All heavy atoms as atom14 arrays in JSON, in Angstrom:
{
  "sequence": "GRVTTSNNAIQANATRSGSRGGTVIVEAGSDLIFGMASIQAKGANSG",
  "atom14_mask": [
    [1, 1, 1, 1, 0, 0, 0, 0, 0, 0, 0, 0, 0, 0],
    [1, 1, 1, 1, 1, 1, 1, 1, 1, 1, 1, 0, 0, 0],
    [1, 1, 1, 1, 1, 1, 1, 0, 0, 0, 0, 0, 0, 0],
    [1, 1, 1, 1, 1, 1, 1, 0, 0, 0, 0, 0, 0, 0],
    [1, 1, 1, 1, 1, 1, 1, 0, 0, 0, 0, 0, 0, 0],
    [1, 1, 1, 1, 1, 1, 0, 0, 0, 0, 0, 0, 0, 0],
    [1, 1, 1, 1, 1, 1, 1, 1, 0, 0, 0, 0, 0, 0],
    [1, 1, 1, 1, 1, 1, 1, 1, 0, 0, 0, 0, 0, 0],
    [1, 1, 1, 1, 1, 0, 0, 0, 0, 0, 0, 0, 0, 0],
    [1, 1, 1, 1, 1, 1, 1, 1, 0, 0, 0, 0, 0, 0],
    [1, 1, 1, 1, 1, 1, 1, 1, 1, 0, 0, 0, 0, 0],
    [1, 1, 1, 1, 1, 0, 0, 0, 0, 0, 0, 0, 0, 0],
    [1, 1, 1, 1, 1, 1, 1, 1, 0, 0, 0, 0, 0, 0],
    [1, 1, 1, 1, 1, 0, 0, 0, 0, 0, 0, 0, 0, 0],
    [1, 1, 1, 1, 1, 1, 1, 0, 0, 0, 0, 0, 0, 0],
    [1, 1, 1, 1, 1, 1, 1, 1, 1, 1, 1, 0, 0, 0],
    [1, 1, 1, 1, 1, 1, 0, 0, 0, 0, 0, 0, 0, 0],
    [1, 1, 1, 1, 0, 0, 0, 0, 0, 0, 0, 0, 0, 0],
    [1, 1, 1, 1, 1, 1, 0, 0, 0, 0, 0, 0, 0, 0],
    [1, 1, 1, 1, 1, 1, 1, 1, 1, 1, 1, 0, 0, 0],
    [1, 1, 1, 1, 0, 0, 0, 0, 0, 0, 0, 0, 0, 0],
    [1, 1, 1, 1, 0, 0, 0, 0, 0, 0, 0, 0, 0, 0],
    [1, 1, 1, 1, 1, 1, 1, 0, 0, 0, 0, 0, 0, 0],
    [1, 1, 1, 1, 1, 1, 1, 0, 0, 0, 0, 0, 0, 0],
    [1, 1, 1, 1, 1, 1, 1, 1, 0, 0, 0, 0, 0, 0],
    [1, 1, 1, 1, 1, 1, 1, 0, 0, 0, 0, 0, 0, 0],
    [1, 1, 1, 1, 1, 1, 1, 1, 1, 0, 0, 0, 0, 0],
    [1, 1, 1, 1, 1, 0, 0, 0, 0, 0, 0, 0, 0, 0],
    [1, 1, 1, 1, 0, 0, 0, 0, 0, 0, 0, 0, 0, 0],
    [1, 1, 1, 1, 1, 1, 0, 0, 0, 0, 0, 0, 0, 0],
    [1, 1, 1, 1, 1, 1, 1, 1, 0, 0, 0, 0, 0, 0],
    [1, 1, 1, 1, 1, 1, 1, 1, 0, 0, 0, 0, 0, 0],
    [1, 1, 1, 1, 1, 1, 1, 1, 0, 0, 0, 0, 0, 0],
    [1, 1, 1, 1, 1, 1, 1, 1, 1, 1, 1, 0, 0, 0],
    [1, 1, 1, 1, 0, 0, 0, 0, 0, 0, 0, 0, 0, 0],
    [1, 1, 1, 1, 1, 1, 1, 1, 0, 0, 0, 0, 0, 0],
    [1, 1, 1, 1, 1, 0, 0, 0, 0, 0, 0, 0, 0, 0],
    [1, 1, 1, 1, 1, 1, 0, 0, 0, 0, 0, 0, 0, 0],
    [1, 1, 1, 1, 1, 1, 1, 1, 0, 0, 0, 0, 0, 0],
    [1, 1, 1, 1, 1, 1, 1, 1, 1, 0, 0, 0, 0, 0],
    [1, 1, 1, 1, 1, 0, 0, 0, 0, 0, 0, 0, 0, 0],
    [1, 1, 1, 1, 1, 1, 1, 1, 1, 0, 0, 0, 0, 0],
    [1, 1, 1, 1, 0, 0, 0, 0, 0, 0, 0, 0, 0, 0],
    [1, 1, 1, 1, 1, 0, 0, 0, 0, 0, 0, 0, 0, 0],
    [1, 1, 1, 1, 1, 1, 1, 1, 0, 0, 0, 0, 0, 0],
    [1, 1, 1, 1, 1, 1, 0, 0, 0, 0, 0, 0, 0, 0],
    [1, 1, 1, 1, 0, 0, 0, 0, 0, 0, 0, 0, 0, 0]
  ],
  "atom14_positions": [
    [[-133.18, -123.07, -86.3], [-134.58, -122.68, -86.62], [-135.28, -121.68, -85.72], [-134.67, -121.02, -84.87], [0.0, 0.0, 0.0], [0.0, 0.0, 0.0], [0.0, 0.0, 0.0], [0.0, 0.0, 0.0], [0.0, 0.0, 0.0], [0.0, 0.0, 0.0], [0.0, 0.0, 0.0], [0.0, 0.0, 0.0], [0.0, 0.0, 0.0], [0.0, 0.0, 0.0]],
    [[-136.61, -121.66, -85.96], [-137.5, -120.95, -85.05], [-137.98, -121.64, -83.81], [-137.99, -122.96, -83.88], [-138.78, -120.43, -85.83], [-138.54, -119.6, -87.01], [-139.87, -119.24, -87.71], [-140.64, -120.49, -88.05], [-140.6, -120.97, -89.2], [-139.79, -120.66, -90.09], [-141.38, -121.98, -89.49], [0.0, 0.0, 0.0], [0.0, 0.0, 0.0], [0.0, 0.0, 0.0]],
    [[-138.22, -120.89, -82.91], [-139.03, -121.5, -81.63], [-140.36, -120.74, -81.66], [-140.43, -119.6, -81.59], [-138.24, -121.35, -80.35], [-139.1, -121.81, -79.31], [-136.94, -122.08, -80.36], [0.0, 0.0, 0.0], [0.0, 0.0, 0.0], [0.0, 0.0, 0.0], [0.0, 0.0, 0.0], [0.0, 0.0, 0.0], [0.0, 0.0, 0.0], [0.0, 0.0, 0.0]],
    [[-141.49, -121.6, -81.64], [-142.78, -120.99, -81.64], [-143.64, -121.54, -80.45], [-143.52, -122.78, -80.24], [-143.45, -121.24, -82.87], [-142.62, -120.77, -84.03], [-144.88, -120.6, -82.93], [0.0, 0.0, 0.0], [0.0, 0.0, 0.0], [0.0, 0.0, 0.0], [0.0, 0.0, 0.0], [0.0, 0.0, 0.0], [0.0, 0.0, 0.0], [0.0, 0.0, 0.0]],
    [[-144.3, -120.7, -79.69], [-145.11, -121.24, -78.61], [-146.47, -120.62, -78.73], [-146.65, -119.66, -79.29], [-144.36, -120.85, -77.26], [-144.32, -119.43, -77.08], [-143.07, -121.47, -77.14], [0.0, 0.0, 0.0], [0.0, 0.0, 0.0], [0.0, 0.0, 0.0], [0.0, 0.0, 0.0], [0.0, 0.0, 0.0], [0.0, 0.0, 0.0], [0.0, 0.0, 0.0]],
    [[-147.39, -121.3, -77.96], [-148.8, -120.8, -77.93], [-149.36, -121.28, -76.54], [-149.08, -122.28, -76.03], [-149.55, -121.34, -79.04], [-149.69, -122.79, -79.03], [0.0, 0.0, 0.0], [0.0, 0.0, 0.0], [0.0, 0.0, 0.0], [0.0, 0.0, 0.0], [0.0, 0.0, 0.0], [0.0, 0.0, 0.0], [0.0, 0.0, 0.0], [0.0, 0.0, 0.0]],
    [[-150.27, -120.37, -76.13], [-151.18, -120.61, -74.97], [-150.31, -120.97, -73.78], [-149.21, -120.46, -73.51], [-152.22, -121.46, -75.21], [-153.31, -120.99, -76.27], [-153.56, -119.88, -76.29], [-153.61, -121.85, -77.15], [0.0, 0.0, 0.0], [0.0, 0.0, 0.0], [0.0, 0.0, 0.0], [0.0, 0.0, 0.0], [0.0, 0.0, 0.0], [0.0, 0.0, 0.0]],
    [[-150.77, -121.94, -72.92], [-149.97, -122.4, -71.74], [-148.87, -123.23, -72.21], [-149.08, -124.39, -72.34], [-150.83, -123.07, -70.7], [-151.87, -122.25, -70.07], [-151.7, -120.96, -70.07], [-152.84, -122.77, -69.54], [0.0, 0.0, 0.0], [0.0, 0.0, 0.0], [0.0, 0.0, 0.0], [0.0, 0.0, 0.0], [0.0, 0.0, 0.0], [0.0, 0.0, 0.0]],
    [[-147.69, -122.64, -72.39], [-146.58, -123.35, -73.04], [-145.54, -123.94, -72.06], [-145.27, -125.13, -72.03], [-145.92, -122.38, -74.02], [0.0, 0.0, 0.0], [0.0, 0.0, 0.0], [0.0, 0.0, 0.0], [0.0, 0.0, 0.0], [0.0, 0.0, 0.0], [0.0, 0.0, 0.0], [0.0, 0.0, 0.0], [0.0, 0.0, 0.0], [0.0, 0.0, 0.0]],
    [[-144.85, -123.07, -71.28], [-143.68, -123.6, -70.4], [-143.95, -123.12, -68.95], [-144.21, -121.86, -68.75], [-142.33, -123.06, -71.01], [-142.3, -123.45, -72.5], [-141.26, -123.45, -70.07], [-141.09, -122.83, -73.1], [0.0, 0.0, 0.0], [0.0, 0.0, 0.0], [0.0, 0.0, 0.0], [0.0, 0.0, 0.0], [0.0, 0.0, 0.0], [0.0, 0.0, 0.0]],
    [[-143.67, -123.89, -68.03], [-143.92, -123.66, -66.58], [-142.8, -124.37, -65.62], [-142.67, -125.57, -65.82], [-145.31, -123.99, -66.2], [-145.66, -123.54, -64.71], [-147.11, -123.89, -64.48], [-147.54, -125.15, -64.49], [-147.98, -122.95, -64.22], [0.0, 0.0, 0.0], [0.0, 0.0, 0.0], [0.0, 0.0, 0.0], [0.0, 0.0, 0.0], [0.0, 0.0, 0.0]],
    [[-142.12, -123.49, -64.85], [-141.21, -124.09, -63.91], [-141.46, -123.31, -62.59], [-140.64, -122.43, -62.19], [-139.75, -123.85, -64.47], [0.0, 0.0, 0.0], [0.0, 0.0, 0.0], [0.0, 0.0, 0.0], [0.0, 0.0, 0.0], [0.0, 0.0, 0.0], [0.0, 0.0, 0.0], [0.0, 0.0, 0.0], [0.0, 0.0, 0.0], [0.0, 0.0, 0.0]],
    [[-142.53, -123.61, -61.97], [-142.99, -122.91, -60.72], [-142.66, -123.68, -59.44], [-142.67, -124.83, -59.33], [-144.43, -122.62, -60.78], [-144.76, -121.58, -61.8], [-144.04, -120.91, -62.45], [-146.08, -121.51, -62.13], [0.0, 0.0, 0.0], [0.0, 0.0, 0.0], [0.0, 0.0, 0.0], [0.0, 0.0, 0.0], [0.0, 0.0, 0.0], [0.0, 0.0, 0.0]],
    [[-142.5, -122.85, -58.41], [-142.54, -123.36, -57.03], [-143.08, -122.19, -56.17], [-142.23, -121.21, -55.82], [-141.2, -123.74, -56.56], [0.0, 0.0, 0.0], [0.0, 0.0, 0.0], [0.0, 0.0, 0.0], [0.0, 0.0, 0.0], [0.0, 0.0, 0.0], [0.0, 0.0, 0.0], [0.0, 0.0, 0.0], [0.0, 0.0, 0.0], [0.0, 0.0, 0.0]],
    [[-144.35, -122.23, -55.86], [-144.98, -121.03, -55.26], [-145.4, -121.13, -53.72], [-146.04, -120.27, -53.2], [-146.24, -120.65, -56.1], [-147.08, -121.72, -56.18], [-145.68, -120.28, -57.5], [0.0, 0.0, 0.0], [0.0, 0.0, 0.0], [0.0, 0.0, 0.0], [0.0, 0.0, 0.0], [0.0, 0.0, 0.0], [0.0, 0.0, 0.0], [0.0, 0.0, 0.0]],
    [[-145.17, -122.37, -53.16], [-145.53, -122.42, -51.78], [-144.47, -121.73, -50.96], [-143.41, -121.24, -51.36], [-145.41, -123.94, -51.44], [-146.48, -124.82, -51.98], [-148.01, -124.63, -51.35], [-147.88, -124.85, -49.87], [-148.23, -126.08, -49.47], [-148.49, -127.08, -50.23], [-148.25, -126.27, -48.1], [0.0, 0.0, 0.0], [0.0, 0.0, 0.0], [0.0, 0.0, 0.0]],
    [[-144.94, -121.44, -49.68], [-144.2, -120.5, -48.84], [-142.54, -120.93, -48.83], [-142.15, -121.99, -48.69], [-144.65, -120.78, -47.37], [-143.92, -119.93, -46.48], [0.0, 0.0, 0.0], [0.0, 0.0, 0.0], [0.0, 0.0, 0.0], [0.0, 0.0, 0.0], [0.0, 0.0, 0.0], [0.0, 0.0, 0.0], [0.0, 0.0, 0.0], [0.0, 0.0, 0.0]],
    [[-141.76, -119.89, -49.04], [-140.33, -119.97, -48.98], [-139.77, -120.44, -50.24], [-138.45, -120.65, -50.27], [0.0, 0.0, 0.0], [0.0, 0.0, 0.0], [0.0, 0.0, 0.0], [0.0, 0.0, 0.0], [0.0, 0.0, 0.0], [0.0, 0.0, 0.0], [0.0, 0.0, 0.0], [0.0, 0.0, 0.0], [0.0, 0.0, 0.0], [0.0, 0.0, 0.0]],
    [[-140.53, -120.65, -51.33], [-140.05, -121.31, -52.42], [-139.35, -120.34, -53.46], [-139.73, -119.12, -53.51], [-141.05, -122.2, -53.01], [-141.45, -123.2, -52.28], [0.0, 0.0, 0.0], [0.0, 0.0, 0.0], [0.0, 0.0, 0.0], [0.0, 0.0, 0.0], [0.0, 0.0, 0.0], [0.0, 0.0, 0.0], [0.0, 0.0, 0.0], [0.0, 0.0, 0.0]],
    [[-138.58, -120.87, -54.34], [-137.72, -120.09, -55.35], [-138.33, -120.53, -56.79], [-138.45, -121.72, -56.99], [-136.32, -120.37, -55.3], [-135.85, -119.91, -53.88], [-134.49, -120.37, -53.59], [-134.54, -121.93, -53.33], [-134.86, -122.48, -52.26], [-135.32, -121.71, -51.2], [-134.85, -123.7, -52.08], [0.0, 0.0, 0.0], [0.0, 0.0, 0.0], [0.0, 0.0, 0.0]],
    [[-138.46, -119.48, -57.6], [-138.96, -119.85, -58.98], [-137.83, -120.62, -59.76], [-136.61, -120.49, -59.34], [0.0, 0.0, 0.0], [0.0, 0.0, 0.0], [0.0, 0.0, 0.0], [0.0, 0.0, 0.0], [0.0, 0.0, 0.0], [0.0, 0.0, 0.0], [0.0, 0.0, 0.0], [0.0, 0.0, 0.0], [0.0, 0.0, 0.0], [0.0, 0.0, 0.0]],
    [[-138.12, -121.27, -60.72], [-137.32, -122.08, -61.55], [-136.56, -121.19, -62.69], [-136.59, -119.98, -62.65], [0.0, 0.0, 0.0], [0.0, 0.0, 0.0], [0.0, 0.0, 0.0], [0.0, 0.0, 0.0], [0.0, 0.0, 0.0], [0.0, 0.0, 0.0], [0.0, 0.0, 0.0], [0.0, 0.0, 0.0], [0.0, 0.0, 0.0], [0.0, 0.0, 0.0]],
    [[-135.94, -121.89, -63.62], [-135.25, -121.28, -64.66], [-135.9, -121.64, -66.05], [-135.87, -122.96, -66.25], [-133.74, -121.52, -64.57], [-133.2, -121.2, -63.33], [-132.99, -120.91, -65.67], [0.0, 0.0, 0.0], [0.0, 0.0, 0.0], [0.0, 0.0, 0.0], [0.0, 0.0, 0.0], [0.0, 0.0, 0.0], [0.0, 0.0, 0.0], [0.0, 0.0, 0.0]],
    [[-136.11, -120.82, -66.97], [-136.65, -121.08, -68.26], [-135.6, -120.36, -69.23], [-135.42, -119.26, -69.1], [-138.04, -120.58, -68.5], [-138.38, -120.9, -70.09], [-138.95, -121.46, -67.62], [0.0, 0.0, 0.0], [0.0, 0.0, 0.0], [0.0, 0.0, 0.0], [0.0, 0.0, 0.0], [0.0, 0.0, 0.0], [0.0, 0.0, 0.0], [0.0, 0.0, 0.0]],
    [[-134.99, -121.16, -70.1], [-134.15, -120.64, -71.18], [-134.65, -121.1, -72.48], [-134.89, -122.27, -72.71], [-132.7, -121.23, -70.95], [-132.16, -120.86, -69.64], [-131.72, -120.78, -72.13], [-130.9, -121.57, -69.22], [0.0, 0.0, 0.0], [0.0, 0.0, 0.0], [0.0, 0.0, 0.0], [0.0, 0.0, 0.0], [0.0, 0.0, 0.0], [0.0, 0.0, 0.0]],
    [[-134.9, -120.06, -73.37], [-135.43, -120.32, -74.65], [-134.53, -119.64, -75.73], [-134.25, -118.46, -75.62], [-136.83, -119.86, -74.84], [-137.35, -120.26, -76.27], [-137.65, -120.4, -73.82], [0.0, 0.0, 0.0], [0.0, 0.0, 0.0], [0.0, 0.0, 0.0], [0.0, 0.0, 0.0], [0.0, 0.0, 0.0], [0.0, 0.0, 0.0], [0.0, 0.0, 0.0]],
    [[-133.92, -120.43, -76.56], [-133.01, -119.88, -77.65], [-133.32, -120.41, -79.08], [-133.59, -121.49, -79.23], [-131.63, -120.34, -77.29], [-131.1, -119.91, -75.89], [-129.7, -120.21, -75.56], [-129.15, -121.14, -76.34], [-129.14, -119.65, -74.64], [0.0, 0.0, 0.0], [0.0, 0.0, 0.0], [0.0, 0.0, 0.0], [0.0, 0.0, 0.0], [0.0, 0.0, 0.0]],
    [[-133.31, -119.45, -80.0], [-133.68, -119.76, -81.43], [-132.56, -119.24, -82.34], [-132.09, -118.09, -82.2], [-135.04, -119.12, -81.65], [0.0, 0.0, 0.0], [0.0, 0.0, 0.0], [0.0, 0.0, 0.0], [0.0, 0.0, 0.0], [0.0, 0.0, 0.0], [0.0, 0.0, 0.0], [0.0, 0.0, 0.0], [0.0, 0.0, 0.0], [0.0, 0.0, 0.0]],
    [[-132.18, -120.2, -83.17], [-131.23, -119.71, -84.3], [-131.85, -118.75, -85.26], [-131.06, -118.12, -85.97], [0.0, 0.0, 0.0], [0.0, 0.0, 0.0], [0.0, 0.0, 0.0], [0.0, 0.0, 0.0], [0.0, 0.0, 0.0], [0.0, 0.0, 0.0], [0.0, 0.0, 0.0], [0.0, 0.0, 0.0], [0.0, 0.0, 0.0], [0.0, 0.0, 0.0]],
    [[-133.18, -118.77, -85.28], [-133.77, -117.75, -86.17], [-134.89, -116.99, -85.24], [-134.39, -116.63, -84.18], [-134.67, -118.51, -87.34], [-135.41, -117.71, -88.1], [0.0, 0.0, 0.0], [0.0, 0.0, 0.0], [0.0, 0.0, 0.0], [0.0, 0.0, 0.0], [0.0, 0.0, 0.0], [0.0, 0.0, 0.0], [0.0, 0.0, 0.0], [0.0, 0.0, 0.0]],
    [[-136.04, -116.86, -85.69], [-136.98, -116.03, -84.9], [-137.58, -116.71, -83.76], [-137.65, -118.02, -83.74], [-138.16, -115.59, -85.76], [-137.81, -114.65, -86.89], [-136.88, -113.88, -86.64], [-138.55, -114.52, -87.86], [0.0, 0.0, 0.0], [0.0, 0.0, 0.0], [0.0, 0.0, 0.0], [0.0, 0.0, 0.0], [0.0, 0.0, 0.0], [0.0, 0.0, 0.0]],
    [[-137.83, -115.99, -82.7], [-138.54, -116.53, -81.42], [-139.81, -116.0, -81.37], [-139.97, -114.74, -81.19], [-137.58, -116.34, -80.28], [-137.8, -117.17, -78.99], [-136.77, -116.79, -77.88], [-139.19, -116.91, -78.37], [0.0, 0.0, 0.0], [0.0, 0.0, 0.0], [0.0, 0.0, 0.0], [0.0, 0.0, 0.0], [0.0, 0.0, 0.0], [0.0, 0.0, 0.0]],
    [[-140.92, -116.83, -81.59], [-142.13, -116.35, -81.65], [-143.0, -116.92, -80.47], [-143.51, -117.93, -80.41], [-142.81, -116.83, -82.98], [-142.0, -116.48, -84.17], [-144.3, -116.2, -83.26], [-142.3, -117.25, -85.41], [0.0, 0.0, 0.0], [0.0, 0.0, 0.0], [0.0, 0.0, 0.0], [0.0, 0.0, 0.0], [0.0, 0.0, 0.0], [0.0, 0.0, 0.0]],
    [[-143.08, -116.06, -79.42], [-143.96, -116.37, -78.36], [-145.37, -116.39, -78.51], [-146.08, -117.0, -77.8], [-143.54, -115.52, -77.08], [-142.24, -115.68, -76.36], [-141.27, -114.69, -76.45], [-141.99, -116.91, -75.77], [-140.05, -115.04, -75.81], [-140.74, -117.17, -75.23], [-139.9, -116.21, -75.18], [0.0, 0.0, 0.0], [0.0, 0.0, 0.0], [0.0, 0.0, 0.0]],
    [[-145.93, -115.57, -79.51], [-147.35, -115.45, -79.72], [-147.92, -114.94, -78.33], [-147.38, -113.99, -77.75], [0.0, 0.0, 0.0], [0.0, 0.0, 0.0], [0.0, 0.0, 0.0], [0.0, 0.0, 0.0], [0.0, 0.0, 0.0], [0.0, 0.0, 0.0], [0.0, 0.0, 0.0], [0.0, 0.0, 0.0], [0.0, 0.0, 0.0], [0.0, 0.0, 0.0]],
    [[-149.17, -115.61, -78.18], [-149.84, -115.18, -76.86], [-149.52, -116.24, -75.79], [-150.49, -116.42, -74.8], [-151.38, -115.25, -77.22], [-151.77, -114.05, -78.04], [-153.61, -113.92, -78.33], [-153.87, -115.31, -79.29], [0.0, 0.0, 0.0], [0.0, 0.0, 0.0], [0.0, 0.0, 0.0], [0.0, 0.0, 0.0], [0.0, 0.0, 0.0], [0.0, 0.0, 0.0]],
    [[-148.33, -116.86, -75.86], [-148.05, -117.97, -74.85], [-147.76, -117.45, -73.4], [-147.32, -116.24, -73.23], [-146.88, -118.72, -75.32], [0.0, 0.0, 0.0], [0.0, 0.0, 0.0], [0.0, 0.0, 0.0], [0.0, 0.0, 0.0], [0.0, 0.0, 0.0], [0.0, 0.0, 0.0], [0.0, 0.0, 0.0], [0.0, 0.0, 0.0], [0.0, 0.0, 0.0]],
    [[-148.03, -118.21, -72.44], [-147.72, -118.09, -71.1], [-146.36, -118.79, -70.87], [-146.33, -120.01, -70.9], [-148.81, -118.45, -70.04], [-148.36, -118.48, -68.75], [0.0, 0.0, 0.0], [0.0, 0.0, 0.0], [0.0, 0.0, 0.0], [0.0, 0.0, 0.0], [0.0, 0.0, 0.0], [0.0, 0.0, 0.0], [0.0, 0.0, 0.0], [0.0, 0.0, 0.0]],
    [[-145.38, -118.09, -70.42], [-144.04, -118.63, -69.95], [-143.98, -118.33, -68.45], [-143.87, -117.01, -68.19], [-142.92, -118.15, -70.86], [-143.22, -118.29, -72.23], [-141.62, -119.01, -70.45], [-143.33, -119.61, -72.92], [0.0, 0.0, 0.0], [0.0, 0.0, 0.0], [0.0, 0.0, 0.0], [0.0, 0.0, 0.0], [0.0, 0.0, 0.0], [0.0, 0.0, 0.0]],
    [[-143.81, -119.31, -67.5], [-143.82, -118.96, -66.17], [-142.47, -119.58, -65.46], [-142.22, -120.77, -65.79], [-145.02, -119.41, -65.46], [-146.22, -118.68, -65.93], [-147.48, -119.19, -65.03], [-147.42, -120.09, -64.22], [-148.56, -118.32, -65.14], [0.0, 0.0, 0.0], [0.0, 0.0, 0.0], [0.0, 0.0, 0.0], [0.0, 0.0, 0.0], [0.0, 0.0, 0.0]],
    [[-141.94, -118.93, -64.49], [-140.89, -119.38, -63.68], [-141.14, -118.68, -62.25], [-140.26, -117.92, -61.75], [-139.48, -119.21, -64.19], [0.0, 0.0, 0.0], [0.0, 0.0, 0.0], [0.0, 0.0, 0.0], [0.0, 0.0, 0.0], [0.0, 0.0, 0.0], [0.0, 0.0, 0.0], [0.0, 0.0, 0.0], [0.0, 0.0, 0.0], [0.0, 0.0, 0.0]],
    [[-142.27, -118.94, -61.75], [-142.75, -118.25, -60.52], [-142.34, -118.89, -59.22], [-142.32, -120.12, -59.0], [-144.28, -118.09, -60.49], [-144.81, -117.41, -61.68], [-146.4, -117.57, -61.84], [-147.08, -117.06, -60.55], [-148.54, -117.32, -60.85], [0.0, 0.0, 0.0], [0.0, 0.0, 0.0], [0.0, 0.0, 0.0], [0.0, 0.0, 0.0], [0.0, 0.0, 0.0]],
    [[-142.0, -117.96, -58.25], [-141.65, -118.41, -56.94], [-142.66, -117.82, -55.97], [-143.65, -117.23, -56.3], [0.0, 0.0, 0.0], [0.0, 0.0, 0.0], [0.0, 0.0, 0.0], [0.0, 0.0, 0.0], [0.0, 0.0, 0.0], [0.0, 0.0, 0.0], [0.0, 0.0, 0.0], [0.0, 0.0, 0.0], [0.0, 0.0, 0.0], [0.0, 0.0, 0.0]],
    [[-142.41, -118.02, -54.73], [-143.27, -117.56, -53.7], [-142.98, -116.02, -53.24], [-141.97, -115.53, -53.55], [-143.17, -118.38, -52.36], [0.0, 0.0, 0.0], [0.0, 0.0, 0.0], [0.0, 0.0, 0.0], [0.0, 0.0, 0.0], [0.0, 0.0, 0.0], [0.0, 0.0, 0.0], [0.0, 0.0, 0.0], [0.0, 0.0, 0.0], [0.0, 0.0, 0.0]],
    [[-144.18, -115.37, -52.69], [-143.98, -114.05, -52.23], [-144.08, -114.07, -50.71], [-144.18, -112.82, -50.16], [-145.01, -113.16, -52.85], [-144.6, -112.68, -54.18], [-143.61, -112.15, -54.48], [-145.38, -113.18, -55.17], [0.0, 0.0, 0.0], [0.0, 0.0, 0.0], [0.0, 0.0, 0.0], [0.0, 0.0, 0.0], [0.0, 0.0, 0.0], [0.0, 0.0, 0.0]],
    [[-143.86, -115.17, -50.07], [-144.02, -115.18, -48.58], [-143.05, -116.34, -48.02], [-142.58, -117.22, -48.88], [-145.29, -115.4, -48.03], [-145.88, -116.66, -48.46], [0.0, 0.0, 0.0], [0.0, 0.0, 0.0], [0.0, 0.0, 0.0], [0.0, 0.0, 0.0], [0.0, 0.0, 0.0], [0.0, 0.0, 0.0], [0.0, 0.0, 0.0], [0.0, 0.0, 0.0]],
    [[-142.72, -116.37, -46.82], [-142.01, -117.57, -46.38], [-140.77, -117.37, -45.43], [-140.07, -118.23, -45.23], [0.0, 0.0, 0.0], [0.0, 0.0, 0.0], [0.0, 0.0, 0.0], [0.0, 0.0, 0.0], [0.0, 0.0, 0.0], [0.0, 0.0, 0.0], [0.0, 0.0, 0.0], [0.0, 0.0, 0.0], [0.0, 0.0, 0.0], [0.0, 0.0, 0.0]]
  ]
}
């Protein structure tokens, strides 16, 4: 099927000093409709 997301949808963050962002995998057998969603896997920029 489809995967549909909206607004603040998926988050795998680690943003404190020295940290590494996570992993987000999204797979759809049909359409993948992110819309205006926020998908995050953020890490740190210092550390």
